[in-house]
């Protein structure tokens, strides 16, 4: 049986206009992703967080849970993530 843990991560999404979006995860230094729209950014976040949390002996499986919750501005969101 797989142990599922969840945690909230602070994702900052930057809108670069015609150049698309890029996002960073505050709790994971150096983790940045890009995309043309929010759906692409979320897909890239799932892959990047998975790689960030995985190691050779224990791969992580990450699922973004629900929609991001806006916080103090349009570009700062809190995203619930399940890791197993």
Protein backbone atom coordinates (compact mmCIF):
# COMPACT_ATOMS: atom_id res chain seq x y z
CA UNK A 1 0.00 0.00 0.00
CA UNK A 2 1.29 3.46 -0.91
CA UNK A 3 1.64 6.11 1.77
CA UNK A 4 0.14 9.38 0.52
CA UNK A 5 1.24 12.62 2.11
CA UNK A 6 0.04 16.02 1.10
CA UNK A 7 1.44 19.46 1.62
CA UNK A 8 0.76 22.96 0.41
CA UNK A 9 3.33 24.65 -1.75
CA UNK A 10 3.49 28.33 -2.63
CA UNK A 11 3.61 28.73 -6.39
CA UNK A 12 4.33 32.15 -7.87
CA UNK A 13 3.10 32.45 -11.44
CA UNK A 14 4.50 35.26 -13.57
CA UNK A 15 2.63 36.43 -16.67
CA UNK A 16 5.03 37.52 -19.41
CA UNK A 17 2.24 38.56 -21.81
CA UNK A 18 2.81 37.20 -25.31
CA UNK A 19 5.80 35.19 -24.05
CA UNK A 20 3.57 33.00 -21.84
CA UNK A 21 3.84 32.17 -18.15
CA UNK A 22 6.57 30.98 -15.85
CA UNK A 23 6.26 29.73 -12.30
CA UNK A 24 8.45 29.10 -9.29
CA UNK A 25 7.87 27.08 -6.13
CA UNK A 26 9.05 29.03 -3.08
CA UNK A 27 9.68 25.91 -0.98
CA UNK A 28 11.86 24.34 -3.70
CA UNK A 29 14.77 26.66 -4.57
CA UNK A 30 15.77 26.52 -8.21
CA UNK A 31 12.51 24.98 -9.42
CA UNK A 32 11.13 26.98 -12.36
CA UNK A 33 8.75 25.97 -15.16
CA UNK A 34 7.26 27.66 -18.22
CA UNK A 35 4.12 27.27 -20.30
CA UNK A 36 1.87 29.03 -22.76
CA UNK A 37 -1.12 28.81 -20.38
CA UNK A 38 -2.03 27.72 -16.85
CA UNK A 39 -2.71 24.11 -17.91
CA UNK A 40 0.79 23.79 -19.38
CA UNK A 41 2.34 25.37 -16.28
CA UNK A 42 0.49 22.92 -14.00
CA UNK A 43 1.60 19.95 -16.13
CA UNK A 44 5.19 21.18 -16.01
CA UNK A 45 4.91 21.75 -12.24
CA UNK A 46 3.79 18.16 -11.70
CA UNK A 47 6.78 16.83 -13.63
CA UNK A 48 9.29 19.23 -12.05
CA UNK A 49 8.10 18.61 -8.46
CA UNK A 50 8.24 14.86 -9.12
CA UNK A 51 11.83 15.12 -10.28
CA UNK A 52 12.75 17.46 -7.41
CA UNK A 53 11.43 15.05 -4.77
CA UNK A 54 12.63 11.81 -6.36
CA UNK A 55 15.91 10.08 -5.74
CA UNK A 56 17.51 6.99 -7.29
CA UNK A 57 16.12 4.64 -4.63
CA UNK A 58 12.66 6.10 -4.21
CA UNK A 59 10.83 7.85 -7.05
CA UNK A 60 8.13 10.29 -5.99
CA UNK A 61 4.66 10.33 -7.52
CA UNK A 62 3.12 13.80 -7.43
CA UNK A 63 -0.47 14.83 -8.08
CA UNK A 64 -1.73 18.40 -7.99
CA UNK A 65 -4.93 18.40 -5.96
CA UNK A 66 -7.75 20.70 -6.99
CA UNK A 67 -7.31 24.16 -8.42
CA UNK A 68 -4.73 26.61 -7.11
CA UNK A 69 -6.08 28.88 -4.38
CA UNK A 70 -5.35 32.58 -5.01
CA UNK A 71 -3.64 34.29 -2.10
CA UNK A 72 -2.65 37.94 -1.78
CA UNK A 73 -2.40 38.69 -5.50
CA UNK A 74 -3.38 37.28 -8.85
CA UNK A 75 0.05 35.72 -9.38
CA UNK A 76 0.62 34.03 -6.02
CA UNK A 77 -1.18 30.76 -5.46
CA UNK A 78 -1.13 27.95 -2.95
CA UNK A 79 -1.26 24.50 -4.54
CA UNK A 80 -2.07 21.30 -2.65
CA UNK A 81 0.20 18.44 -3.73
CA UNK A 82 -0.03 14.72 -2.93
CA UNK A 83 3.29 12.88 -2.80
CA UNK A 84 3.59 9.10 -2.59
